[in-house]
Amino acid sequence: GSVKFDVSQPAVVREQAEAMRRLIGTGR
């Protein structure tokens, strides 16, 4: 099988994403 199915991201990435969403506009 493909190791790409095993992709995972640390929790900090989600926290960074939330900060970036505020940067670009939460309602867009």
PDB file of all heavy atoms in Angstrom:
ATOM      1  N   GLY A   1       0.837  -1.190   0.000  1.00  0.00           N
ATOM      2  CA  GLY A   1       0.000   0.000   0.000  1.00  0.00           C
ATOM      3  C   GLY A   1       0.874   1.242   0.000  1.00  0.00           C
ATOM      4  O   GLY A   1       2.106   1.162  -0.021  1.00  0.00           O
ATOM      5  N   SER A   2       0.243   2.397   0.044  1.00  0.00           N
ATOM      6  CA  SER A   2       0.988   3.657  -0.020  1.00  0.00           C
ATOM      7  C   SER A   2       1.166   4.273   1.362  1.00  0.00           C
ATOM      8  O   SER A   2       0.200   4.411   2.117  1.00  0.00           O
ATOM      9  CB  SER A   2       0.241   4.653  -0.917  1.00  0.00           C
ATOM     10  OG  SER A   2       0.861   5.925  -0.869  1.00  0.00           O
ATOM     11  N   VAL A   3       2.401   4.681   1.666  1.00  0.00           N
ATOM     12  CA  VAL A   3       2.660   5.349   2.949  1.00  0.00           C
ATOM     13  C   VAL A   3       1.972   6.703   3.011  1.00  0.00           C
ATOM     14  O   VAL A   3       1.802   7.272   4.098  1.00  0.00           O
ATOM     15  CB  VAL A   3       4.174   5.523   3.217  1.00  0.00           C
ATOM     16  CG1 VAL A   3       4.866   4.178   3.309  1.00  0.00           C
ATOM     17  CG2 VAL A   3       4.824   6.406   2.172  1.00  0.00           C
ATOM     18  N   LYS A   4       1.564   7.218   1.866  1.00  0.00           N
ATOM     19  CA  LYS A   4       0.900   8.524   1.868  1.00  0.00           C
ATOM     20  C   LYS A   4      -0.452   8.470   2.591  1.00  0.00           C
ATOM     21  O   LYS A   4      -0.965   9.492   3.040  1.00  0.00           O
ATOM     22  CB  LYS A   4       0.743   9.036   0.441  1.00  0.00           C
ATOM     23  CG  LYS A   4       2.068   9.493  -0.174  1.00  0.00           C
ATOM     24  CD  LYS A   4       1.887  10.075  -1.552  1.00  0.00           C
ATOM     25  CE  LYS A   4       3.156  10.778  -2.029  1.00  0.00           C
ATOM     26  NZ  LYS A   4       4.319   9.904  -2.137  1.00  0.00           N
ATOM     27  N   PHE A   5      -1.029   7.259   2.712  1.00  0.00           N
ATOM     28  CA  PHE A   5      -2.261   7.115   3.496  1.00  0.00           C
ATOM     29  C   PHE A   5      -1.995   7.301   4.988  1.00  0.00           C
ATOM     30  O   PHE A   5      -2.923   7.557   5.757  1.00  0.00           O
ATOM     31  CB  PHE A   5      -2.898   5.739   3.267  1.00  0.00           C
ATOM     32  CG  PHE A   5      -3.665   5.629   1.980  1.00  0.00           C
ATOM     33  CD1 PHE A   5      -3.161   4.896   0.916  1.00  0.00           C
ATOM     34  CD2 PHE A   5      -4.898   6.235   1.838  1.00  0.00           C
ATOM     35  CE1 PHE A   5      -3.870   4.780  -0.268  1.00  0.00           C
ATOM     36  CE2 PHE A   5      -5.622   6.134   0.660  1.00  0.00           C
ATOM     37  CZ  PHE A   5      -5.105   5.399  -0.400  1.00  0.00           C
ATOM     38  N   ASP A   6      -0.741   7.175   5.390  1.00  0.00           N
ATOM     39  CA  ASP A   6      -0.394   7.286   6.805  1.00  0.00           C
ATOM     40  C   ASP A   6      -0.052   8.714   7.217  1.00  0.00           C
ATOM     41  O   ASP A   6       0.495   8.941   8.292  1.00  0.00           O
ATOM     42  CB  ASP A   6       0.802   6.369   7.125  1.00  0.00           C
ATOM     43  CG  ASP A   6       0.443   4.904   6.976  1.00  0.00           C
ATOM     44  OD1 ASP A   6      -0.745   4.572   7.118  1.00  0.00           O
ATOM     45  OD2 ASP A   6       1.341   4.095   6.695  1.00  0.00           O
ATOM     46  N   VAL A   7      -0.393   9.666   6.355  1.00  0.00           N
ATOM     47  CA  VAL A   7      -0.100  11.059   6.656  1.00  0.00           C
ATOM     48  C   VAL A   7      -0.769  11.463   7.969  1.00  0.00           C
ATOM     49  O   VAL A   7      -1.902  11.100   8.258  1.00  0.00           O
ATOM     50  CB  VAL A   7      -0.575  11.977   5.505  1.00  0.00           C
ATOM     51  CG1 VAL A   7      -2.086  11.912   5.320  1.00  0.00           C
ATOM     52  CG2 VAL A   7      -0.147  13.418   5.752  1.00  0.00           C
ATOM     53  N   SER A   8      -0.032  12.179   8.781  1.00  0.00           N
ATOM     54  CA  SER A   8      -0.579  12.705  10.038  1.00  0.00           C
ATOM     55  C   SER A   8       0.134  14.012  10.350  1.00  0.00           C
ATOM     56  O   SER A   8       1.268  14.224   9.931  1.00  0.00           O
ATOM     57  CB  SER A   8      -0.391  11.715  11.185  1.00  0.00           C
ATOM     58  OG  SER A   8       0.980  11.486  11.432  1.00  0.00           O
ATOM     59  N   GLN A   9      -0.544  14.876  11.070  1.00  0.00           N
ATOM     60  CA  GLN A   9       0.024  16.171  11.398  1.00  0.00           C
ATOM     61  C   GLN A   9      -0.086  16.412  12.902  1.00  0.00           C
ATOM     62  O   GLN A   9      -1.080  16.036  13.522  1.00  0.00           O
ATOM     63  CB  GLN A   9      -0.714  17.284  10.658  1.00  0.00           C
ATOM     64  CG  GLN A   9      -0.669  17.172   9.141  1.00  0.00           C
ATOM     65  CD  GLN A   9       0.726  17.375   8.572  1.00  0.00           C
ATOM     66  OE1 GLN A   9       1.596  17.955   9.227  1.00  0.00           O
ATOM     67  NE2 GLN A   9       0.944  16.898   7.350  1.00  0.00           N
ATOM     68  N   PRO A  10       0.921  17.027  13.498  1.00  0.00           N
ATOM     69  CA  PRO A  10       0.850  17.338  14.935  1.00  0.00           C
ATOM     70  C   PRO A  10      -0.248  18.347  15.223  1.00  0.00           C
ATOM     71  O   PRO A  10      -0.663  19.118  14.349  1.00  0.00           O
ATOM     72  CB  PRO A  10       2.238  17.909  15.245  1.00  0.00           C
ATOM     73  CG  PRO A  10       2.767  18.372  13.928  1.00  0.00           C
ATOM     74  CD  PRO A  10       2.190  17.459  12.897  1.00  0.00           C
ATOM     75  N   ALA A  11      -0.712  18.363  16.460  1.00  0.00           N
ATOM     76  CA  ALA A  11      -1.804  19.267  16.856  1.00  0.00           C
ATOM     77  C   ALA A  11      -1.451  20.722  16.618  1.00  0.00           C
ATOM     78  O   ALA A  11      -2.334  21.545  16.343  1.00  0.00           O
ATOM     79  CB  ALA A  11      -2.142  19.032  18.324  1.00  0.00           C
ATOM     80  N   VAL A  12      -0.165  21.046  16.692  1.00  0.00           N
ATOM     81  CA  VAL A  12       0.247  22.440  16.523  1.00  0.00           C
ATOM     82  C   VAL A  12      -0.117  22.964  15.139  1.00  0.00           C
ATOM     83  O   VAL A  12      -0.372  24.165  14.965  1.00  0.00           O
ATOM     84  CB  VAL A  12       1.767  22.592  16.794  1.00  0.00           C
ATOM     85  CG1 VAL A  12       2.587  21.893  15.707  1.00  0.00           C
ATOM     86  CG2 VAL A  12       2.150  24.063  16.888  1.00  0.00           C
ATOM     87  N   VAL A  13      -0.175  22.071  14.137  1.00  0.00           N
ATOM     88  CA  VAL A  13      -0.535  22.505  12.785  1.00  0.00           C
ATOM     89  C   VAL A  13      -1.968  23.019  12.753  1.00  0.00           C
ATOM     90  O   VAL A  13      -2.269  24.026  12.114  1.00  0.00           O
ATOM     91  CB  VAL A  13      -0.337  21.355  11.770  1.00  0.00           C
ATOM     92  CG1 VAL A  13      -0.837  21.772  10.386  1.00  0.00           C
ATOM     93  CG2 VAL A  13       1.128  20.962  11.691  1.00  0.00           C
ATOM     94  N   ARG A  14      -2.861  22.333  13.482  1.00  0.00           N
ATOM     95  CA  ARG A  14      -4.247  22.794  13.541  1.00  0.00           C
ATOM     96  C   ARG A  14      -4.334  24.160  14.242  1.00  0.00           C
ATOM     97  O   ARG A  14      -5.105  25.035  13.831  1.00  0.00           O
ATOM     98  CB  ARG A  14      -5.110  21.761  14.273  1.00  0.00           C
ATOM     99  CG  ARG A  14      -6.602  22.095  14.278  1.00  0.00           C
ATOM    100  CD  ARG A  14      -7.419  20.934  14.789  1.00  0.00           C
ATOM    101  NE  ARG A  14      -7.341  19.790  13.918  1.00  0.00           N
ATOM    102  CZ  ARG A  14      -8.070  19.657  12.797  1.00  0.00           C
ATOM    103  NH1 ARG A  14      -8.914  20.613  12.436  1.00  0.00           N
ATOM    104  NH2 ARG A  14      -7.964  18.576  12.062  1.00  0.00           N
ATOM    105  N   GLU A  15      -3.554  24.322  15.288  1.00  0.00           N
ATOM    106  CA  GLU A  15      -3.535  25.610  15.986  1.00  0.00           C
ATOM    107  C   GLU A  15      -3.024  26.717  15.064  1.00  0.00           C
ATOM    108  O   GLU A  15      -3.562  27.830  15.045  1.00  0.00           O
ATOM    109  CB  GLU A  15      -2.655  25.514  17.236  1.00  0.00           C
ATOM    110  CG  GLU A  15      -3.193  24.552  18.290  1.00  0.00           C
ATOM    111  CD  GLU A  15      -2.177  24.262  19.382  1.00  0.00           C
ATOM    112  OE1 GLU A  15      -1.118  24.940  19.384  1.00  0.00           O
ATOM    113  OE2 GLU A  15      -2.428  23.369  20.215  1.00  0.00           O
ATOM    114  N   GLN A  16      -1.989  26.413  14.282  1.00  0.00           N
ATOM    115  CA  GLN A  16      -1.463  27.392  13.330  1.00  0.00           C
ATOM    116  C   GLN A  16      -2.492  27.719  12.256  1.00  0.00           C
ATOM    117  O   GLN A  16      -2.601  28.868  11.815  1.00  0.00           O
ATOM    118  CB  GLN A  16      -0.175  26.848  12.695  1.00  0.00           C
ATOM    119  CG  GLN A  16       0.990  26.735  13.657  1.00  0.00           C
ATOM    120  CD  GLN A  16       2.150  25.951  13.067  1.00  0.00           C
ATOM    121  OE1 GLN A  16       2.003  25.241  12.075  1.00  0.00           O
ATOM    122  NE2 GLN A  16       3.320  26.075  13.700  1.00  0.00           N
ATOM    123  N   ALA A  17      -3.259  26.700  11.847  1.00  0.00           N
ATOM    124  CA  ALA A  17      -4.290  26.904  10.834  1.00  0.00           C
ATOM    125  C   ALA A  17      -5.381  27.842  11.338  1.00  0.00           C
ATOM    126  O   ALA A  17      -5.889  28.686  10.593  1.00  0.00           O
ATOM    127  CB  ALA A  17      -4.886  25.565  10.411  1.00  0.00           C
ATOM    128  N   GLU A  18      -5.741  27.695  12.594  1.00  0.00           N
ATOM    129  CA  GLU A  18      -6.759  28.576  13.174  1.00  0.00           C
ATOM    130  C   GLU A  18      -6.277  30.026  13.187  1.00  0.00           C
ATOM    131  O   GLU A  18      -7.037  30.950  12.896  1.00  0.00           O
ATOM    132  CB  GLU A  18      -7.099  28.111  14.585  1.00  0.00           C
ATOM    133  CG  GLU A  18      -7.855  26.775  14.611  1.00  0.00           C
ATOM    134  CD  GLU A  18      -8.016  26.220  16.004  1.00  0.00           C
ATOM    135  OE1 GLU A  18      -7.498  26.847  16.950  1.00  0.00           O
ATOM    136  OE2 GLU A  18      -8.650  25.153  16.152  1.00  0.00           O
ATOM    137  N   ALA A  19      -4.989  30.206  13.493  1.00  0.00           N
ATOM    138  CA  ALA A  19      -4.421  31.556  13.485  1.00  0.00           C
ATOM    139  C   ALA A  19      -4.383  32.121  12.073  1.00  0.00           C
ATOM    140  O   ALA A  19      -4.689  33.302  11.855  1.00  0.00           O
ATOM    141  CB  ALA A  19      -3.014  31.529  14.080  1.00  0.00           C
ATOM    142  N   MET A  20      -4.054  31.276  11.103  1.00  0.00           N
ATOM    143  CA  MET A  20      -4.000  31.745   9.727  1.00  0.00           C
ATOM    144  C   MET A  20      -5.397  32.076   9.207  1.00  0.00           C
ATOM    145  O   MET A  20      -5.570  33.038   8.453  1.00  0.00           O
ATOM    146  CB  MET A  20      -3.331  30.717   8.823  1.00  0.00           C
ATOM    147  CG  MET A  20      -3.324  31.144   7.358  1.00  0.00           C
ATOM    148  SD  MET A  20      -2.298  30.132   6.295  1.00  0.00           S
ATOM    149  CE  MET A  20      -0.693  30.816   6.674  1.00  0.00           C
ATOM    150  N   ARG A  21      -6.387  31.307   9.623  1.00  0.00           N
ATOM    151  CA  ARG A  21      -7.750  31.584   9.167  1.00  0.00           C
ATOM    152  C   ARG A  21      -8.187  32.979   9.647  1.00  0.00           C
ATOM    153  O   ARG A  21      -8.854  33.715   8.912  1.00  0.00           O
ATOM    154  CB  ARG A  21      -8.708  30.505   9.698  1.00  0.00           C
ATOM    155  CG  ARG A  21     -10.127  30.638   9.161  1.00  0.00           C
ATOM    156  CD  ARG A  21     -10.214  30.203   7.715  1.00  0.00           C
ATOM    157  NE  ARG A  21     -11.443  30.648   7.087  1.00  0.00           N
ATOM    158  CZ  ARG A  21     -12.062  30.067   6.080  1.00  0.00           C
ATOM    159  NH1 ARG A  21     -11.545  28.993   5.551  1.00  0.00           N
ATOM    160  NH2 ARG A  21     -13.161  30.535   5.570  1.00  0.00           N
ATOM    161  N   ARG A  22      -7.786  33.334  10.837  1.00  0.00           N
ATOM    162  CA  ARG A  22      -8.092  34.688  11.325  1.00  0.00           C
ATOM    163  C   ARG A  22      -7.355  35.736  10.495  1.00  0.00           C
ATOM    164  O   ARG A  22      -7.862  36.834  10.261  1.00  0.00           O
ATOM    165  CB  ARG A  22      -7.723  34.809  12.806  1.00  0.00           C
ATOM    166  CG  ARG A  22      -8.616  33.981  13.733  1.00  0.00           C
ATOM    167  CD  ARG A  22      -8.382  34.361  15.184  1.00  0.00           C
ATOM    168  NE  ARG A  22      -7.047  34.022  15.653  1.00  0.00           N
ATOM    169  CZ  ARG A  22      -6.725  32.839  16.174  1.00  0.00           C
ATOM    170  NH1 ARG A  22      -7.651  31.893  16.308  1.00  0.00           N
ATOM    171  NH2 ARG A  22      -5.486  32.607  16.589  1.00  0.00           N
ATOM    172  N   LEU A  23      -6.148  35.375  10.032  1.00  0.00           N
ATOM    173  CA  LEU A  23      -5.339  36.293   9.238  1.00  0.00           C
ATOM    174  C   LEU A  23      -5.968  36.578   7.878  1.00  0.00           C
ATOM    175  O   LEU A  23      -5.915  37.702   7.382  1.00  0.00           O
ATOM    176  CB  LEU A  23      -3.931  35.703   9.055  1.00  0.00           C
ATOM    177  CG  LEU A  23      -2.811  36.639   8.579  1.00  0.00           C
ATOM    178  CD1 LEU A  23      -2.471  37.648   9.660  1.00  0.00           C
ATOM    179  CD2 LEU A  23      -1.585  35.813   8.212  1.00  0.00           C
ATOM    180  N   ILE A  24      -6.589  35.552   7.278  1.00  0.00           N
ATOM    181  CA  ILE A  24      -7.139  35.738   5.934  1.00  0.00           C
ATOM    182  C   ILE A  24      -8.618  36.104   5.951  1.00  0.00           C
ATOM    183  O   ILE A  24      -9.178  36.485   4.919  1.00  0.00           O
ATOM    184  CB  ILE A  24      -6.933  34.471   5.064  1.00  0.00           C
ATOM    185  CG1 ILE A  24      -7.740  33.295   5.613  1.00  0.00           C
ATOM    186  CG2 ILE A  24      -5.464  34.128   4.949  1.00  0.00           C
ATOM    187  CD1 ILE A  24      -7.708  32.081   4.712  1.00  0.00           C
ATOM    188  N   GLY A  25      -9.266  35.967   7.121  1.00  0.00           N
ATOM    189  CA  GLY A  25     -10.685  36.318   7.206  1.00  0.00           C
ATOM    190  C   GLY A  25     -11.538  35.104   7.511  1.00  0.00           C
ATOM    191  O   GLY A  25     -11.648  34.203   6.680  1.00  0.00           O
ATOM    192  N   THR A  26     -12.147  35.080   8.683  1.00  0.00           N
ATOM    193  CA  THR A  26     -12.853  33.874   9.142  1.00  0.00           C
ATOM    194  C   THR A  26     -14.132  33.582   8.372  1.00  0.00           C
ATOM    195  O   THR A  26     -14.567  32.441   8.296  1.00  0.00           O
ATOM    196  CB  THR A  26     -13.193  33.998  10.642  1.00  0.00           C
ATOM    197  OG1 THR A  26     -13.925  35.220  10.857  1.00  0.00           O
ATOM    198  CG2 THR A  26     -11.939  34.015  11.488  1.00  0.00           C
ATOM    199  N   GLY A  27     -14.761  34.580   7.803  1.00  0.00           N
ATOM    200  CA  GLY A  27     -16.052  34.347   7.165  1.00  0.00           C
ATOM    201  C   GLY A  27     -16.004  34.117   5.676  1.00  0.00           C
ATOM    202  O   GLY A  27     -17.046  33.932   5.034  1.00  0.00           O
ATOM    203  N   ARG A  28     -14.809  34.095   5.081  1.00  0.00           N
ATOM    204  CA  ARG A  28     -14.708  34.010   3.618  1.00  0.00           C
ATOM    205  C   ARG A  28     -14.702  32.577   3.118  1.00  0.00           C
ATOM    206  O   ARG A  28     -14.086  31.698   3.741  1.00  0.00           O
ATOM    207  CB  ARG A  28     -13.418  34.690   3.143  1.00  0.00           C
ATOM    208  CG  ARG A  28     -13.287  36.124   3.552  1.00  0.00           C
ATOM    209  CD  ARG A  28     -12.045  36.754   2.983  1.00  0.00           C
ATOM    210  NE  ARG A  28     -12.132  36.960   1.530  1.00  0.00           N
ATOM    211  CZ  ARG A  28     -11.233  37.638   0.812  1.00  0.00           C
ATOM    212  NH1 ARG A  28     -10.170  38.151   1.414  1.00  0.00           N
ATOM    213  NH2 ARG A  28     -11.380  37.787  -0.493  1.00  0.00           N
TER     214      ARG A  28
END
